[in-house]
PDB file of N, CA and C in Angstrom:
ATOM      1  N   UNK A   1     -85.384 -39.728  -1.558  1.00  0.00           N
ATOM      2  CA  UNK A   1     -84.049 -40.112  -1.926  1.00  0.00           C
ATOM      3  C   UNK A   1     -84.007 -41.574  -2.143  1.00  0.00           C
ATOM      4  N   UNK A   2     -83.391 -41.988  -3.178  1.00  0.00           N
ATOM      5  CA  UNK A   2     -83.283 -43.435  -3.625  1.00  0.00           C
ATOM      6  C   UNK A   2     -82.078 -44.059  -2.787  1.00  0.00           C
ATOM      7  N   UNK A   3     -82.097 -45.348  -2.688  1.00  0.00           N
ATOM      8  CA  UNK A   3     -80.961 -46.005  -1.962  1.00  0.00           C
ATOM      9  C   UNK A   3     -79.710 -45.774  -2.729  1.00  0.00           C
ATOM     10  N   UNK A   4     -79.735 -45.749  -4.108  1.00  0.00           N
ATOM     11  CA  UNK A   4     -78.491 -45.425  -4.916  1.00  0.00           C
ATOM     12  C   UNK A   4     -77.994 -44.011  -4.557  1.00  0.00           C
ATOM     13  N   UNK A   5     -78.942 -43.082  -4.345  1.00  0.00           N
ATOM     14  CA  UNK A   5     -78.585 -41.787  -3.983  1.00  0.00           C
ATOM     15  C   UNK A   5     -77.923 -41.675  -2.579  1.00  0.00           C
ATOM     16  N   UNK A   6     -78.499 -42.482  -1.669  1.00  0.00           N
ATOM     17  CA  UNK A   6     -77.835 -42.558  -0.334  1.00  0.00           C
ATOM     18  C   UNK A   6     -76.439 -43.153  -0.419  1.00  0.00           C
ATOM     19  N   UNK A   7     -76.260 -44.207  -1.168  1.00  0.00           N
ATOM     20  CA  UNK A   7     -74.946 -44.814  -1.391  1.00  0.00           C
ATOM     21  C   UNK A   7     -73.997 -43.768  -1.908  1.00  0.00           C
ATOM     22  N   UNK A   8     -74.418 -43.038  -2.986  1.00  0.00           N
ATOM     23  CA  UNK A   8     -73.580 -42.010  -3.576  1.00  0.00           C
ATOM     24  C   UNK A   8     -73.117 -40.982  -2.570  1.00  0.00           C
ATOM     25  N   UNK A   9     -74.064 -40.503  -1.759  1.00  0.00           N
ATOM     26  CA  UNK A   9     -73.816 -39.414  -0.752  1.00  0.00           C
ATOM     27  C   UNK A   9     -72.784 -40.022   0.311  1.00  0.00           C
ATOM     28  N   UNK A  10     -72.995 -41.194   0.802  1.00  0.00           N
ATOM     29  CA  UNK A  10     -71.998 -41.728   1.780  1.00  0.00           C
ATOM     30  C   UNK A  10     -70.672 -41.887   1.208  1.00  0.00           C
ATOM     31  N   UNK A  11     -70.491 -42.446  -0.036  1.00  0.00           N
ATOM     32  CA  UNK A  11     -69.266 -42.702  -0.619  1.00  0.00           C
ATOM     33  C   UNK A  11     -68.526 -41.343  -0.936  1.00  0.00           C
ATOM     34  N   UNK A  12     -69.282 -40.458  -1.484  1.00  0.00           N
ATOM     35  CA  UNK A  12     -68.613 -39.155  -1.789  1.00  0.00           C
ATOM     36  C   UNK A  12     -68.211 -38.410  -0.499  1.00  0.00           C
ATOM     37  N   UNK A  13     -68.989 -38.419   0.547  1.00  0.00           N
ATOM     38  CA  UNK A  13     -68.586 -37.826   1.873  1.00  0.00           C
ATOM     39  C   UNK A  13     -67.377 -38.472   2.473  1.00  0.00           C
ATOM     40  N   UNK A  14     -67.294 -39.802   2.412  1.00  0.00           N
ATOM     41  CA  UNK A  14     -66.228 -40.505   3.145  1.00  0.00           C
ATOM     42  C   UNK A  14     -64.985 -40.924   2.404  1.00  0.00           C
ATOM     43  N   UNK A  15     -65.130 -40.916   1.027  1.00  0.00           N
ATOM     44  CA  UNK A  15     -64.019 -41.371   0.185  1.00  0.00           C
ATOM     45  C   UNK A  15     -63.517 -40.428  -0.858  1.00  0.00           C
ATOM     46  N   UNK A  16     -64.263 -39.355  -1.016  1.00  0.00           N
ATOM     47  CA  UNK A  16     -63.820 -38.311  -2.035  1.00  0.00           C
ATOM     48  C   UNK A  16     -63.391 -38.993  -3.276  1.00  0.00           C
ATOM     49  N   UNK A  17     -64.181 -39.859  -3.957  1.00  0.00           N
ATOM     50  CA  UNK A  17     -63.745 -40.595  -5.072  1.00  0.00           C
ATOM     51  C   UNK A  17     -63.398 -39.776  -6.223  1.00  0.00           C
ATOM     52  N   UNK A  18     -62.353 -40.219  -6.985  1.00  0.00           N
ATOM     53  CA  UNK A  18     -61.981 -39.665  -8.211  1.00  0.00           C
ATOM     54  C   UNK A  18     -63.091 -40.109  -9.293  1.00  0.00           C
ATOM     55  N   UNK A  19     -63.555 -41.281  -9.101  1.00  0.00           N
ATOM     56  CA  UNK A  19     -64.711 -41.779  -9.832  1.00  0.00           C
ATOM     57  C   UNK A  19     -65.561 -42.786  -9.053  1.00  0.00           C
ATOM     58  N   UNK A  20     -66.834 -42.720  -9.298  1.00  0.00           N
ATOM     59  CA  UNK A  20     -67.744 -43.636  -8.630  1.00  0.00           C
ATOM     60  C   UNK A  20     -68.784 -44.119  -9.615  1.00  0.00           C
ATOM     61  N   UNK A  21     -68.915 -45.402  -9.708  1.00  0.00           N
ATOM     62  CA  UNK A  21     -69.977 -45.967 -10.600  1.00  0.00           C
ATOM     63  C   UNK A  21     -70.848 -46.917  -9.755  1.00  0.00           C
ATOM     64  N   UNK A  22     -72.148 -46.568  -9.758  1.00  0.00           N
ATOM     65  CA  UNK A  22     -73.109 -47.439  -9.056  1.00  0.00           C
ATOM     66  C   UNK A  22     -74.044 -48.070 -10.013  1.00  0.00           C
ATOM     67  N   UNK A  23     -74.064 -49.471 -10.002  1.00  0.00           N
ATOM     68  CA  UNK A  23     -74.911 -50.192 -10.838  1.00  0.00           C
ATOM     69  C   UNK A  23     -75.953 -50.851 -10.029  1.00  0.00           C
ATOM     70  N   UNK A  24     -77.181 -50.692 -10.255  1.00  0.00           N
ATOM     71  CA  UNK A  24     -78.240 -51.375  -9.509  1.00  0.00           C
ATOM     72  C   UNK A  24     -78.579 -52.707 -10.251  1.00  0.00           C
ATOM     73  N   UNK A  25     -78.091 -53.768  -9.672  1.00  0.00           N
ATOM     74  CA  UNK A  25     -78.269 -55.214 -10.177  1.00  0.00           C
ATOM     75  C   UNK A  25     -79.505 -55.859  -9.705  1.00  0.00           C
ATOM     76  N   UNK A  26     -80.394 -55.199  -9.028  1.00  0.00           N
ATOM     77  CA  UNK A  26     -81.564 -55.819  -8.336  1.00  0.00           C
ATOM     78  C   UNK A  26     -82.471 -56.602  -9.280  1.00  0.00           C
ATOM     79  N   UNK A  27     -82.655 -56.022 -10.473  1.00  0.00           N
ATOM     80  CA  UNK A  27     -83.616 -56.776 -11.382  1.00  0.00           C
ATOM     81  C   UNK A  27     -83.002 -58.142 -11.750  1.00  0.00           C
ATOM     82  N   UNK A  28     -81.769 -58.381 -11.713  1.00  0.00           N
ATOM     83  CA  UNK A  28     -81.144 -59.733 -11.973  1.00  0.00           C
ATOM     84  C   UNK A  28     -81.447 -60.651 -10.856  1.00  0.00           C
ATOM     85  N   UNK A  29     -81.875 -60.158  -9.717  1.00  0.00           N
ATOM     86  CA  UNK A  29     -82.105 -61.077  -8.540  1.00  0.00           C
ATOM     87  C   UNK A  29     -83.537 -61.064  -8.127  1.00  0.00           C
ATOM     88  N   UNK A  30     -84.500 -60.617  -8.915  1.00  0.00           N
ATOM     89  CA  UNK A  30     -85.943 -60.626  -8.599  1.00  0.00           C
ATOM     90  C   UNK A  30     -86.312 -62.115  -8.199  1.00  0.00           C
ATOM     91  N   UNK A  31     -87.005 -62.189  -7.126  1.00  0.00           N
ATOM     92  CA  UNK A  31     -87.419 -63.481  -6.699  1.00  0.00           C
ATOM     93  C   UNK A  31     -86.480 -64.246  -5.864  1.00  0.00           C
ATOM     94  N   UNK A  32     -85.210 -63.733  -5.778  1.00  0.00           N
ATOM     95  CA  UNK A  32     -84.142 -64.384  -4.893  1.00  0.00           C
ATOM     96  C   UNK A  32     -84.343 -63.893  -3.432  1.00  0.00           C
ATOM     97  N   UNK A  33     -83.689 -64.640  -2.590  1.00  0.00           N
ATOM     98  CA  UNK A  33     -83.669 -64.142  -1.197  1.00  0.00           C
ATOM     99  C   UNK A  33     -83.069 -62.747  -1.163  1.00  0.00           C
ATOM    100  N   UNK A  34     -83.670 -61.944  -0.283  1.00  0.00           N
ATOM    101  CA  UNK A  34     -83.138 -60.529  -0.058  1.00  0.00           C
ATOM    102  C   UNK A  34     -83.784 -59.570  -1.063  1.00  0.00           C
ATOM    103  N   UNK A  35     -84.249 -59.956  -2.129  1.00  0.00           N
ATOM    104  CA  UNK A  35     -84.950 -59.079  -3.122  1.00  0.00           C
ATOM    105  C   UNK A  35     -86.229 -58.638  -2.513  1.00  0.00           C
ATOM    106  N   UNK A  36     -86.632 -57.420  -2.757  1.00  0.00           N
ATOM    107  CA  UNK A  36     -87.938 -56.865  -2.268  1.00  0.00           C
ATOM    108  C   UNK A  36     -88.542 -56.013  -3.411  1.00  0.00           C
ATOM    109  N   UNK A  37     -89.713 -55.483  -3.073  1.00  0.00           N
ATOM    110  CA  UNK A  37     -90.450 -54.631  -4.131  1.00  0.00           C
ATOM    111  C   UNK A  37     -89.907 -53.373  -4.403  1.00  0.00           C
ATOM    112  N   UNK A  38     -88.836 -52.891  -3.686  1.00  0.00           N
ATOM    113  CA  UNK A  38     -88.309 -51.614  -3.892  1.00  0.00           C
ATOM    114  C   UNK A  38     -87.406 -51.545  -5.123  1.00  0.00           C
ATOM    115  N   UNK A  39     -86.871 -52.720  -5.453  1.00  0.00           N
ATOM    116  CA  UNK A  39     -85.998 -52.779  -6.705  1.00  0.00           C
ATOM    117  C   UNK A  39     -84.638 -52.172  -6.448  1.00  0.00           C
ATOM    118  N   UNK A  40     -84.281 -51.983  -5.125  1.00  0.00           N
ATOM    119  CA  UNK A  40     -82.926 -51.500  -4.768  1.00  0.00           C
ATOM    120  C   UNK A  40     -82.346 -52.255  -3.677  1.00  0.00           C
ATOM    121  N   UNK A  41     -81.965 -53.399  -4.015  1.00  0.00           N
ATOM    122  CA  UNK A  41     -81.433 -54.355  -2.947  1.00  0.00           C
ATOM    123  C   UNK A  41     -80.038 -54.909  -3.382  1.00  0.00           C
ATOM    124  N   UNK A  42     -79.619 -54.909  -4.625  1.00  0.00           N
ATOM    125  CA  UNK A  42     -78.342 -55.461  -5.067  1.00  0.00           C
ATOM    126  C   UNK A  42     -77.576 -54.369  -5.879  1.00  0.00           C
ATOM    127  N   UNK A  43     -76.378 -54.178  -5.442  1.00  0.00           N
ATOM    128  CA  UNK A  43     -75.546 -53.122  -6.194  1.00  0.00           C
ATOM    129  C   UNK A  43     -74.171 -53.550  -6.427  1.00  0.00           C
ATOM    130  N   UNK A  44     -73.602 -53.011  -7.517  1.00  0.00           N
ATOM    131  CA  UNK A  44     -72.191 -53.120  -7.694  1.00  0.00           C
ATOM    132  C   UNK A  44     -71.589 -51.761  -7.777  1.00  0.00           C
ATOM    133  N   UNK A  45     -70.526 -51.482  -6.904  1.00  0.00           N
ATOM    134  CA  UNK A  45     -69.879 -50.171  -6.869  1.00  0.00           C
ATOM    135  C   UNK A  45     -68.463 -50.360  -7.355  1.00  0.00           C
ATOM    136  N   UNK A  46     -68.062 -49.385  -8.165  1.00  0.00           N
ATOM    137  CA  UNK A  46     -66.725 -49.254  -8.590  1.00  0.00           C
ATOM    138  C   UNK A  46     -66.177 -47.910  -8.028  1.00  0.00           C
ATOM    139  N   UNK A  47     -65.296 -47.928  -7.243  1.00  0.00           N
ATOM    140  CA  UNK A  47     -64.822 -46.761  -6.520  1.00  0.00           C
ATOM    141  C   UNK A  47     -63.379 -46.606  -6.700  1.00  0.00           C
ATOM    142  N   UNK A  48     -62.971 -45.326  -7.186  1.00  0.00           N
ATOM    143  CA  UNK A  48     -61.580 -44.998  -7.333  1.00  0.00           C
ATOM    144  C   UNK A  48     -61.273 -43.835  -6.436  1.00  0.00           C
ATOM    145  N   UNK A  49     -60.361 -44.155  -5.343  1.00  0.00           N
ATOM    146  CA  UNK A  49     -60.135 -43.120  -4.341  1.00  0.00           C
ATOM    147  C   UNK A  49     -58.663 -43.268  -3.797  1.00  0.00           C
ATOM    148  N   UNK A  50     -58.147 -42.061  -3.544  1.00  0.00           N
ATOM    149  CA  UNK A  50     -56.789 -42.039  -2.937  1.00  0.00           C
ATOM    150  C   UNK A  50     -56.774 -42.688  -1.480  1.00  0.00           C
ATOM    151  N   UNK A  51     -57.991 -42.779  -0.902  1.00  0.00           N
ATOM    152  CA  UNK A  51     -58.103 -43.292   0.455  1.00  0.00           C
ATOM    153  C   UNK A  51     -57.649 -44.756   0.415  1.00  0.00           C
ATOM    154  N   UNK A  52     -57.745 -45.457  -0.679  1.00  0.00           N
ATOM    155  CA  UNK A  52     -57.354 -46.867  -0.745  1.00  0.00           C
ATOM    156  C   UNK A  52     -55.835 -47.142  -0.864  1.00  0.00           C
ATOM    157  N   UNK A  53     -55.081 -46.083  -1.066  1.00  0.00           N
ATOM    158  CA  UNK A  53     -53.642 -46.201  -1.239  1.00  0.00           C
ATOM    159  C   UNK A  53     -53.018 -46.890  -0.085  1.00  0.00           C
ATOM    160  N   UNK A  54     -52.194 -47.913  -0.430  1.00  0.00           N
ATOM    161  CA  UNK A  54     -51.501 -48.651   0.639  1.00  0.00           C
ATOM    162  C   UNK A  54     -52.309 -49.704   1.252  1.00  0.00           C
ATOM    163  N   UNK A  55     -53.624 -49.875   0.950  1.00  0.00           N
ATOM    164  CA  UNK A  55     -54.434 -50.872   1.577  1.00  0.00           C
ATOM    165  C   UNK A  55     -54.708 -52.078   0.681  1.00  0.00           C
ATOM    166  N   UNK A  56     -54.679 -53.248   1.225  1.00  0.00           N
ATOM    167  CA  UNK A  56     -54.983 -54.477   0.393  1.00  0.00           C
ATOM    168  C   UNK A  56     -56.580 -54.489   0.111  1.00  0.00           C
ATOM    169  N   UNK A  57     -56.939 -55.215  -0.817  1.00  0.00           N
ATOM    170  CA  UNK A  57     -58.321 -55.240  -1.231  1.00  0.00           C
ATOM    171  C   UNK A  57     -59.249 -55.490  -0.054  1.00  0.00           C
ATOM    172  N   UNK A  58     -58.979 -56.410   0.830  1.00  0.00           N
ATOM    173  CA  UNK A  58     -59.881 -56.774   1.929  1.00  0.00           C
ATOM    174  C   UNK A  58     -60.073 -55.551   2.874  1.00  0.00           C
ATOM    175  N   UNK A  59     -58.954 -54.835   3.152  1.00  0.00           N
ATOM    176  CA  UNK A  59     -59.103 -53.633   3.994  1.00  0.00           C
ATOM    177  C   UNK A  59     -59.961 -52.577   3.279  1.00  0.00           C
ATOM    178  N   UNK A  60     -59.808 -52.400   2.009  1.00  0.00           N
ATOM    179  CA  UNK A  60     -60.648 -51.429   1.260  1.00  0.00           C
ATOM    180  C   UNK A  60     -62.168 -51.781   1.369  1.00  0.00           C
ATOM    181  N   UNK A  61     -62.400 -53.022   1.177  1.00  0.00           N
ATOM    182  CA  UNK A  61     -63.808 -53.529   1.200  1.00  0.00           C
ATOM    183  C   UNK A  61     -64.369 -53.302   2.615  1.00  0.00           C
ATOM    184  N   UNK A  62     -63.518 -53.532   3.632  1.00  0.00           N
ATOM    185  CA  UNK A  62     -64.022 -53.357   5.087  1.00  0.00           C
ATOM    186  C   UNK A  62     -64.461 -51.912   5.269  1.00  0.00           C
ATOM    187  N   UNK A  63     -63.584 -51.004   4.726  1.00  0.00           N
ATOM    188  CA  UNK A  63     -63.897 -49.579   4.906  1.00  0.00           C
ATOM    189  C   UNK A  63     -65.242 -49.138   4.208  1.00  0.00           C
ATOM    190  N   UNK A  64     -65.438 -49.673   3.047  1.00  0.00           N
ATOM    191  CA  UNK A  64     -66.662 -49.383   2.329  1.00  0.00           C
ATOM    192  C   UNK A  64     -67.858 -49.993   3.080  1.00  0.00           C
ATOM    193  N   UNK A  65     -67.732 -51.213   3.475  1.00  0.00           N
ATOM    194  CA  UNK A  65     -68.801 -51.937   4.208  1.00  0.00           C
ATOM    195  C   UNK A  65     -69.125 -51.215   5.420  1.00  0.00           C
ATOM    196  N   UNK A  66     -68.203 -50.770   6.160  1.00  0.00           N
ATOM    197  CA  UNK A  66     -68.396 -50.096   7.412  1.00  0.00           C
ATOM    198  C   UNK A  66     -69.144 -48.778   7.155  1.00  0.00           C
ATOM    199  N   UNK A  67     -68.760 -48.043   6.122  1.00  0.00           N
ATOM    200  CA  UNK A  67     -69.399 -46.778   5.710  1.00  0.00           C
ATOM    201  C   UNK A  67     -70.840 -47.010   5.486  1.00  0.00           C
ATOM    202  N   UNK A  68     -71.125 -48.119   4.689  1.00  0.00           N
ATOM    203  CA  UNK A  68     -72.471 -48.413   4.225  1.00  0.00           C
ATOM    204  C   UNK A  68     -73.259 -49.260   5.170  1.00  0.00           C
ATOM    205  N   UNK A  69     -72.828 -49.536   6.405  1.00  0.00           N
ATOM    206  CA  UNK A  69     -73.452 -50.389   7.321  1.00  0.00           C
ATOM    207  C   UNK A  69     -74.895 -50.042   7.550  1.00  0.00           C
ATOM    208  N   UNK A  70     -75.286 -48.794   7.723  1.00  0.00           N
ATOM    209  CA  UNK A  70     -76.699 -48.443   7.883  1.00  0.00           C
ATOM    210  C   UNK A  70     -77.615 -48.978   6.766  1.00  0.00           C
ATOM    211  N   UNK A  71     -77.088 -48.921   5.529  1.00  0.00           N
ATOM    212  CA  UNK A  71     -77.879 -49.418   4.438  1.00  0.00           C
ATOM    213  C   UNK A  71     -77.759 -50.950   4.318  1.00  0.00           C
ATOM    214  N   UNK A  72     -76.727 -51.566   4.631  1.00  0.00           N
ATOM    215  CA  UNK A  72     -76.558 -53.057   4.667  1.00  0.00           C
ATOM    216  C   UNK A  72     -77.472 -53.662   5.801  1.00  0.00           C
ATOM    217  N   UNK A  73     -77.736 -52.882   6.808  1.00  0.00           N
ATOM    218  CA  UNK A  73     -78.528 -53.306   7.936  1.00  0.00           C
ATOM    219  C   UNK A  73     -80.054 -53.209   7.492  1.00  0.00           C
ATOM    220  N   UNK A  74     -80.225 -52.461   6.395  1.00  0.00           N
ATOM    221  CA  UNK A  74     -81.676 -52.161   5.966  1.00  0.00           C
ATOM    222  C   UNK A  74     -81.975 -52.611   4.568  1.00  0.00           C
ATOM    223  N   UNK A  75     -81.999 -51.688   3.664  1.00  0.00           N
ATOM    224  CA  UNK A  75     -82.545 -52.068   2.316  1.00  0.00           C
ATOM    225  C   UNK A  75     -81.532 -52.772   1.404  1.00  0.00           C
ATOM    226  N   UNK A  76     -80.223 -52.654   1.619  1.00  0.00           N
ATOM    227  CA  UNK A  76     -79.288 -53.283   0.751  1.00  0.00           C
ATOM    228  C   UNK A  76     -79.004 -54.690   1.216  1.00  0.00           C
ATOM    229  N   UNK A  77     -79.318 -55.661   0.304  1.00  0.00           N
ATOM    230  CA  UNK A  77     -79.093 -57.096   0.579  1.00  0.00           C
ATOM    231  C   UNK A  77     -77.666 -57.536   0.191  1.00  0.00           C
ATOM    232  N   UNK A  78     -77.216 -57.072  -1.002  1.00  0.00           N
ATOM    233  CA  UNK A  78     -76.019 -57.556  -1.573  1.00  0.00           C
ATOM    234  C   UNK A  78     -75.191 -56.375  -2.183  1.00  0.00           C
ATOM    235  N   UNK A  79     -73.860 -56.436  -2.027  1.00  0.00           N
ATOM    236  CA  UNK A  79     -72.991 -55.357  -2.565  1.00  0.00           C
ATOM    237  C   UNK A  79     -71.713 -55.976  -3.063  1.00  0.00           C
ATOM    238  N   UNK A  80     -71.484 -55.778  -4.321  1.00  0.00           N
ATOM    239  CA  UNK A  80     -70.299 -56.158  -5.016  1.00  0.00           C
ATOM    240  C   UNK A  80     -69.407 -54.944  -5.094  1.00  0.00           C
ATOM    241  N   UNK A  81     -68.079 -55.060  -4.850  1.00  0.00           N
ATOM    242  CA  UNK A  81     -67.268 -53.943  -4.825  1.00  0.00           C
ATOM    243  C   UNK A  81     -65.943 -54.201  -5.712  1.00  0.00           C
ATOM    244  N   UNK A  82     -65.604 -53.075  -6.464  1.00  0.00           N
ATOM    245  CA  UNK A  82     -64.373 -52.977  -7.164  1.00  0.00           C
ATOM    246  C   UNK A  82     -63.706 -51.637  -6.646  1.00  0.00           C
ATOM    247  N   UNK A  83     -62.527 -51.751  -5.937  1.00  0.00           N
ATOM    248  CA  UNK A  83     -61.975 -50.626  -5.277  1.00  0.00           C
ATOM    249  C   UNK A  83     -60.571 -50.517  -5.870  1.00  0.00           C
ATOM    250  N   UNK A  84     -60.280 -49.301  -6.297  1.00  0.00           N
ATOM    251  CA  UNK A  84     -58.918 -48.997  -6.869  1.00  0.00           C
ATOM    252  C   UNK A  84     -58.421 -47.659  -6.437  1.00  0.00           C
ATOM    253  N   UNK A  85     -57.083 -47.496  -6.547  1.00  0.00           N
ATOM    254  CA  UNK A  85     -56.486 -46.156  -6.393  1.00  0.00           C
ATOM    255  C   UNK A  85     -56.389 -45.543  -7.742  1.00  0.00           C
ATOM    256  N   UNK A  86     -56.307 -44.193  -7.808  1.00  0.00           N
ATOM    257  CA  UNK A  86     -56.082 -43.546  -9.188  1.00  0.00           C
ATOM    258  C   UNK A  86     -54.903 -44.168  -9.932  1.00  0.00           C
ATOM    259  N   UNK A  87     -53.742 -44.410  -9.205  1.00  0.00           N
ATOM    260  CA  UNK A  87     -52.665 -44.986  -9.866  1.00  0.00           C
ATOM    261  C   UNK A  87     -52.857 -46.392 -10.418  1.00  0.00           C
ATOM    262  N   UNK A  88     -53.708 -47.173  -9.756  1.00  0.00           N
ATOM    263  CA  UNK A  88     -54.061 -48.523 -10.336  1.00  0.00           C
ATOM    264  C   UNK A  88     -54.931 -48.380 -11.528  1.00  0.00           C
ATOM    265  N   UNK A  89     -55.696 -47.380 -11.700  1.00  0.00           N
ATOM    266  CA  UNK A  89     -56.582 -47.168 -12.897  1.00  0.00           C
ATOM    267  C   UNK A  89     -55.619 -46.793 -14.135  1.00  0.00           C
ATOM    268  N   UNK A  90     -54.605 -46.018 -13.809  1.00  0.00           N
ATOM    269  CA  UNK A  90     -53.688 -45.654 -14.878  1.00  0.00           C
ATOM    270  C   UNK A  90     -52.924 -46.806 -15.421  1.00  0.00           C
ATOM    271  N   UNK A  91     -52.659 -47.818 -14.555  1.00  0.00           N
ATOM    272  CA  UNK A  91     -51.879 -48.964 -15.013  1.00  0.00           C
ATOM    273  C   UNK A  91     -52.699 -49.921 -15.877  1.00  0.00           C
ATOM    274  N   UNK A  92     -53.959 -49.942 -15.634  1.00  0.00           N
ATOM    275  CA  UNK A  92     -54.781 -50.974 -16.383  1.00  0.00           C
ATOM    276  C   UNK A  92     -55.371 -50.472 -17.662  1.00  0.00           C
TER     277      UNK A  92
END
């Protein structure tokens, strides 16, 4: 199972997202600190979930980071997040 698959499984289990986009940005960071030969170290996630309703962005990010802590302690070096509620996606 790839790191991206692990991320998808955790996010789907804990956030029941209406949509989830996982972009592996690792190739943009080849040779940088934290990059390794696996090619799965830097990710950008866009998550749309009802779970974020009523939470400010910092609280949303903390929830996601806590859920992904095992991966952040291991193979994932950098994580960029975009977190929205379904209502927020309808407004934009």
